[in-house]
C-alpha atoms as a PDB file:
ATOM      1  CA  MET A   1       0.223  -0.027  -0.247  1.00  0.00           C
ATOM      2  CA  GLN A   2       1.479   3.381  -0.958  1.00  0.00           C
ATOM      3  CA  VAL A   3       0.969   6.476   0.940  1.00  0.00           C
ATOM      4  CA  ASN A   4       1.480   9.985   0.268  1.00  0.00           C
ATOM      5  CA  ILE A   5       1.555  12.604   3.077  1.00  0.00           C
ATOM      6  CA  ILE A   6       1.504  16.271   2.609  1.00  0.00           C
ATOM      7  CA  ILE A   7       1.354  18.874   5.239  1.00  0.00           C
ATOM      8  CA  GLU A   8      -1.140  21.599   4.625  1.00  0.00           C
ATOM      9  CA  LYS A   9      -0.895  24.935   3.312  1.00  0.00           C
ATOM     10  CA  SER A  10      -1.567  26.751   6.977  1.00  0.00           C
ATOM     11  CA  ARG A  11       0.778  24.818   8.261  1.00  0.00           C
ATOM     12  CA  GLN A  12       3.487  25.245   6.264  1.00  0.00           C
ATOM     13  CA  SER A  13       2.995  28.813   6.680  1.00  0.00           C
ATOM     14  CA  GLU A  14       3.375  28.386  10.275  1.00  0.00           C
ATOM     15  CA  PHE A  15       6.578  26.299   9.885  1.00  0.00           C
ATOM     16  CA  ASN A  16       7.970  29.073   7.707  1.00  0.00           C
ATOM     17  CA  ALA A  17       7.408  31.492  10.506  1.00  0.00           C
ATOM     18  CA  LEU A  18       8.666  29.263  13.082  1.00  0.00           C
ATOM     19  CA  VAL A  19      11.771  28.756  11.227  1.00  0.00           C
ATOM     20  CA  GLU A  20      12.231  32.605  10.901  1.00  0.00           C
ATOM     21  CA  ASP A  21      11.400  33.040  14.904  1.00  0.00           C
ATOM     22  CA  LEU A  22      14.147  30.668  15.616  1.00  0.00           C
ATOM     23  CA  LEU A  23      16.717  31.709  13.188  1.00  0.00           C
ATOM     24  CA  ALA A  24      17.496  28.201  12.084  1.00  0.00           C
ATOM     25  CA  SER A  25      20.147  27.521   9.378  1.00  0.00           C
ATOM     26  CA  PRO A  26      19.293  25.006   6.534  1.00  0.00           C
ATOM     27  CA  LYS A  27      21.300  22.538   7.856  1.00  0.00           C
ATOM     28  CA  GLU A  28      19.065  22.505  11.072  1.00  0.00           C
ATOM     29  CA  VAL A  29      16.049  22.270   9.026  1.00  0.00           C
ATOM     30  CA  GLN A  30      17.115  19.491   6.830  1.00  0.00           C
ATOM     31  CA  LYS A  31      18.245  17.472  10.031  1.00  0.00           C
ATOM     32  CA  SER A  32      15.157  18.306  11.871  1.00  0.00           C
ATOM     33  CA  ILE A  33      12.850  16.910   8.823  1.00  0.00           C
ATOM     34  CA  ILE A  34      14.809  13.807   8.244  1.00  0.00           C
ATOM     35  CA  SER A  35      14.445  13.144  12.180  1.00  0.00           C
ATOM     36  CA  ALA A  36      10.747  14.014  12.025  1.00  0.00           C
ATOM     37  CA  ARG A  37       9.932  11.681   8.975  1.00  0.00           C
ATOM     38  CA  ARG A  38      11.813   8.986  10.968  1.00  0.00           C
ATOM     39  CA  LYS A  39       9.661   9.254  13.992  1.00  0.00           C
ATOM     40  CA  ALA A  40       6.541   9.760  12.000  1.00  0.00           C
ATOM     41  CA  ALA A  41       6.936   6.208  10.436  1.00  0.00           C
ATOM     42  CA  LYS A  42       7.628   4.786  13.825  1.00  0.00           C
ATOM     43  CA  TRP A  43       4.286   6.403  15.035  1.00  0.00           C
ATOM     44  CA  VAL A  44       2.204   5.079  12.180  1.00  0.00           C
ATOM     45  CA  ARG A  45       3.725   1.595  12.353  1.00  0.00           C
ATOM     46  CA  THR A  46       2.849   1.582  16.346  1.00  0.00           C
ATOM     47  CA  GLN A  47      -0.686   2.897  15.764  1.00  0.00           C
ATOM     48  CA  ILE A  48      -1.139   0.259  12.839  1.00  0.00           C
ATOM     49  CA  VAL A  49      -0.195  -2.700  15.046  1.00  0.00           C
ATOM     50  CA  ARG A  50      -2.202  -1.428  18.120  1.00  0.00           C
ATOM     51  CA  SER A  51      -5.369  -0.637  15.919  1.00  0.00           C
ATOM     52  CA  LEU A  52      -4.840  -3.974  14.200  1.00  0.00           C
ATOM     53  CA  SER A  53      -4.660  -5.996  17.898  1.00  0.00           C
ATOM     54  CA  LYS A  54      -7.631  -4.264  18.806  1.00  0.00           C
ATOM     55  CA  GLU A  55      -9.720  -5.221  15.648  1.00  0.00           C
ATOM     56  CA  THR A  56      -8.480  -8.512  14.810  1.00  0.00           C
ATOM     57  CA  GLN A  57      -7.720  -9.595  18.289  1.00  0.00           C
ATOM     58  CA  ILE A  58      -4.179 -10.588  17.006  1.00  0.00           C
ATOM     59  CA  PRO A  59      -1.366 -10.142  20.008  1.00  0.00           C
ATOM     60  CA  THR A  60       0.884  -7.279  19.046  1.00  0.00           C
ATOM     61  CA  SER A  61       3.728  -9.454  19.419  1.00  0.00           C
ATOM     62  CA  LEU A  62       2.766 -11.453  16.335  1.00  0.00           C
ATOM     63  CA  LEU A  63       1.490  -8.366  14.283  1.00  0.00           C
ATOM     64  CA  ARG A  64       4.866  -6.263  14.610  1.00  0.00           C
ATOM     65  CA  ASN A  65       6.607  -8.266  12.223  1.00  0.00           C
ATOM     66  CA  ARG A  66       4.146  -8.372   9.770  1.00  0.00           C
ATOM     67  CA  VAL A  67       3.550  -4.835   9.184  1.00  0.00           C
ATOM     68  CA  VAL A  68       6.533  -3.502   7.099  1.00  0.00           C
ATOM     69  CA  LEU A  69       6.977  -0.016   6.479  1.00  0.00           C
ATOM     70  CA  SER A  70       9.669   2.234   4.481  1.00  0.00           C
ATOM     71  CA  ARG A  71      10.799   5.314   5.690  1.00  0.00           C
ATOM     72  CA  ILE A  72       9.236   8.418   4.386  1.00  0.00           C
ATOM     73  CA  SER A  73      10.680   9.531   1.364  1.00  0.00           C
ATOM     74  CA  ILE A  74      11.654  13.300   0.348  1.00  0.00           C
ATOM     75  CA  LYS A  75       8.509  13.649  -1.882  1.00  0.00           C
ATOM     76  CA  GLY A  76       6.395  12.429   1.677  1.00  0.00           C
ATOM     77  CA  GLU A  77       5.714   8.970  -0.022  1.00  0.00           C
ATOM     78  CA  MET A  78       5.839   5.893   2.173  1.00  0.00           C
ATOM     79  CA  PHE A  79       5.171   1.732   1.605  1.00  0.00           C
ATOM     80  CA  ILE A  80       3.381  -0.006   4.130  1.00  0.00           C
ATOM     81  CA  GLY A  81       3.295  -3.747   3.898  1.00  0.00           C
ATOM     82  CA  LEU A  82       0.592  -5.816   5.635  1.00  0.00           C
ATOM     83  CA  ASN A  83       1.820  -9.503   5.340  1.00  0.00           C
ATOM     84  CA  PRO A  84      -0.491 -12.207   6.407  1.00  0.00           C
ATOM     85  CA  VAL A  85      -0.012 -14.101   9.782  1.00  0.00           C
ATOM     86  CA  SER A  86       0.569 -17.758   9.891  1.00  0.00           C
ATOM     87  CA  VAL A  87      -2.546 -20.117  11.399  1.00  0.00           C
ATOM     88  CA  SER A  88       0.162 -21.765  13.485  1.00  0.00           C
ATOM     89  CA  ARG A  89       1.081 -18.696  15.257  1.00  0.00           C
ATOM     90  CA  LEU A  90      -2.182 -18.190  16.411  1.00  0.00           C
ATOM     91  CA  GLN A  91      -2.337 -21.011  18.753  1.00  0.00           C
ATOM     92  CA  PRO A  92      -4.458 -23.297  16.947  1.00  0.00           C
ATOM     93  CA  LYS A  93      -6.948 -25.868  18.171  1.00  0.00           C
ATOM     94  CA  GLN A  94      -8.117 -28.944  16.057  1.00  0.00           C
ATOM     95  CA  THR A  95     -12.172 -29.522  16.181  1.00  0.00           C
ATOM     96  CA  LYS A  96     -14.212 -31.856  14.302  1.00  0.00           C
ATOM     97  CA  ALA A  97     -15.025 -29.142  11.620  1.00  0.00           C
ATOM     98  CA  GLY A  98     -11.615 -27.841  11.132  1.00  0.00           C
ATOM     99  CA  VAL A  99      -9.138 -25.680  13.214  1.00  0.00           C
ATOM    100  CA  LYS A 100     -10.211 -22.709  15.594  1.00  0.00           C
ATOM    101  CA  ALA A 101      -7.464 -20.260  16.445  1.00  0.00           C
ATOM    102  CA  LYS A 102      -6.882 -16.619  18.108  1.00  0.00           C
ATOM    103  CA  GLY A 103      -8.991 -13.835  16.623  1.00  0.00           C
ATOM    104  CA  GLY A 104     -11.943 -15.795  16.312  1.00  0.00           C
ATOM    105  CA  LEU A 105     -10.552 -17.619  13.395  1.00  0.00           C
ATOM    106  CA  THR A 106     -12.435 -20.764  11.979  1.00  0.00           C
ATOM    107  CA  VAL A 107     -10.541 -22.549   9.119  1.00  0.00           C
ATOM    108  CA  LYS A 108     -13.163 -25.067   8.138  1.00  0.00           C
ATOM    109  CA  GLY A 109     -11.682 -28.802   6.697  1.00  0.00           C
ATOM    110  CA  ALA A 110      -8.063 -27.698   8.179  1.00  0.00           C
ATOM    111  CA  PHE A 111      -6.193 -29.829  10.016  1.00  0.00           C
ATOM    112  CA  ILE A 112      -2.700 -29.419  12.434  1.00  0.00           C
ATOM    113  CA  VAL A 113       0.553 -31.434  11.330  1.00  0.00           C
ATOM    114  CA  ASP A 114       1.595 -32.349  14.676  1.00  0.00           C
ATOM    115  CA  ALA A 115       4.824 -34.382  13.642  1.00  0.00           C
ATOM    116  CA  LEU A 116       6.530 -30.666  13.673  1.00  0.00           C
ATOM    117  CA  ASP A 117       7.681 -28.242  16.265  1.00  0.00           C
ATOM    118  CA  TYR A 118       5.665 -25.398  15.081  1.00  0.00           C
ATOM    119  CA  LYS A 119       2.810 -27.394  14.323  1.00  0.00           C
ATOM    120  CA  PRO A 120       1.348 -25.918  10.822  1.00  0.00           C
ATOM    121  CA  VAL A 121      -2.104 -25.566   9.730  1.00  0.00           C
ATOM    122  CA  PHE A 122      -2.822 -27.241   6.241  1.00  0.00           C
ATOM    123  CA  LYS A 123      -6.297 -27.557   4.428  1.00  0.00           C
ATOM    124  CA  ARG A 124      -6.588 -29.802   1.125  1.00  0.00           C
ATOM    125  CA  VAL A 125      -7.599 -27.851  -2.143  1.00  0.00           C
ATOM    126  CA  SER A 126      -9.251 -30.912  -3.819  1.00  0.00           C
ATOM    127  CA  ASP A 127     -10.684 -34.177  -2.644  1.00  0.00           C
ATOM    128  CA  ARG A 128      -7.702 -36.140  -2.874  1.00  0.00           C
ATOM    129  CA  ALA A 129      -4.908 -36.316  -0.505  1.00  0.00           C
ATOM    130  CA  TYR A 130      -2.912 -33.687  -1.887  1.00  0.00           C
ATOM    131  CA  PRO A 131      -2.368 -30.883  -3.176  1.00  0.00           C
ATOM    132  CA  VAL A 132      -2.751 -29.026   0.641  1.00  0.00           C
ATOM    133  CA  GLU A 133      -2.197 -25.316   1.055  1.00  0.00           C
ATOM    134  CA  TYR A 134      -0.564 -23.719   4.024  1.00  0.00           C
ATOM    135  CA  GLN A 135      -3.357 -21.717   6.143  1.00  0.00           C
ATOM    136  CA  ARG A 136      -2.678 -17.836   6.560  1.00  0.00           C
ATOM    137  CA  ARG A 137      -4.824 -15.188   8.203  1.00  0.00           C
ATOM    138  CA  ASP A 138      -4.935 -12.193   5.929  1.00  0.00           C
ATOM    139  CA  ILE A 139      -4.617  -8.555   7.766  1.00  0.00           C
ATOM    140  CA  GLU A 140      -4.780  -6.607   4.511  1.00  0.00           C
ATOM    141  CA  LYS A 141      -8.633  -5.364   4.358  1.00  0.00           C
ATOM    142  CA  GLU A 142      -8.607  -4.343   8.371  1.00  0.00           C
ATOM    143  CA  GLY A 143      -5.267  -2.776   8.101  1.00  0.00           C
ATOM    144  CA  GLN A 144      -6.189  -0.925   4.962  1.00  0.00           C
ATOM    145  CA  ARG A 145      -9.561   0.430   6.702  1.00  0.00           C
ATOM    146  CA  ILE A 146      -7.355   1.491   9.833  1.00  0.00           C
ATOM    147  CA  ILE A 147      -5.063   3.219   7.645  1.00  0.00           C
ATOM    148  CA  GLU A 148      -7.365   5.318   5.480  1.00  0.00           C
ATOM    149  CA  GLY A 149      -9.909   5.850   8.235  1.00  0.00           C
ATOM    150  CA  GLU A 150      -7.762   6.606  11.303  1.00  0.00           C
ATOM    151  CA  ILE A 151      -4.255   7.051  10.924  1.00  0.00           C
ATOM    152  CA  LEU A 152      -3.990   9.099   7.775  1.00  0.00           C
ATOM    153  CA  PRO A 153      -6.362  12.210   8.894  1.00  0.00           C
ATOM    154  CA  LYS A 154      -3.998  12.317  11.784  1.00  0.00           C
ATOM    155  CA  LEU A 155      -0.823  11.745  10.413  1.00  0.00           C
ATOM    156  CA  SER A 156      -0.538  15.433   8.785  1.00  0.00           C
ATOM    157  CA  ASP A 157      -0.789  16.868  11.990  1.00  0.00           C
ATOM    158  CA  LYS A 158       1.500  14.635  14.069  1.00  0.00           C
ATOM    159  CA  LEU A 159       4.078  15.327  11.131  1.00  0.00           C
ATOM    160  CA  TYR A 160       3.815  18.806  11.822  1.00  0.00           C
ATOM    161  CA  ASP A 161       4.194  18.461  15.570  1.00  0.00           C
ATOM    162  CA  LEU A 162       7.407  16.534  15.175  1.00  0.00           C
ATOM    163  CA  LEU A 163       8.723  18.778  13.141  1.00  0.00           C
ATOM    164  CA  GLU A 164       8.130  21.675  15.131  1.00  0.00           C
ATOM    165  CA  HIS A 165       9.702  19.396  18.050  1.00  0.00           C
ATOM    166  CA  GLU A 166      12.618  18.475  16.416  1.00  0.00           C
ATOM    167  CA  LEU A 167      13.432  21.913  15.312  1.00  0.00           C
ATOM    168  CA  LYS A 168      12.838  23.708  18.420  1.00  0.00           C
ATOM    169  CA  TRP A 169      15.151  21.022  20.246  1.00  0.00           C
ATOM    170  CA  ARG A 170      18.096  21.404  18.121  1.00  0.00           C
ATOM    171  CA  ILE A 171      18.196  25.104  18.045  1.00  0.00           C
ATOM    172  CA  LEU A 172      17.838  24.963  21.978  1.00  0.00           C
ATOM    173  CA  TYR A 173      20.643  22.191  22.065  1.00  0.00           C
ATOM    174  CA  LYS A 174      22.723  24.517  19.906  1.00  0.00           C
ATOM    175  CA  GLN A 175      22.074  27.360  22.246  1.00  0.00           C
ATOM    176  CA  LYS A 176      23.685  25.447  25.063  1.00  0.00           C
ATOM    177  CA  LYS A 177      26.552  24.470  23.989  1.00  0.00           C
END
């Protein structure tokens, strides 16, 4: 999923006024922008993991490895990858109908292979013994809804706040030296 981040025009004029008030050099402004983008990307990832965990009832420890983010580029672009979670990681239980796992997931006709340590979950693709398909829980739809509905509306303000904080910190830190 590709996301574009834009600071609103009104916020741009506020930022320019802040730069002039603090007498910031271009180098300090550039460093502040880089740091703010990095922190904003971390904030986005944290918010996605928290919201996804609440909605899907999958532990955050499993989702942290599944949500992949690139840094925010100079153009304000960021790639968010939402990889599926293996059903074997969701504490699967074998039932007569199939397999039940955390997050209210039920896979009818699936079975757990007990021969291996991590107990993978498979489902037959046809009526025959083979082929079988490894089972995963897709989180992309929920993630996309959370990103577009909850996180993107707040991201521009959060990025500006981080930018303002970083710039003030760099100026004040420089004055103390």
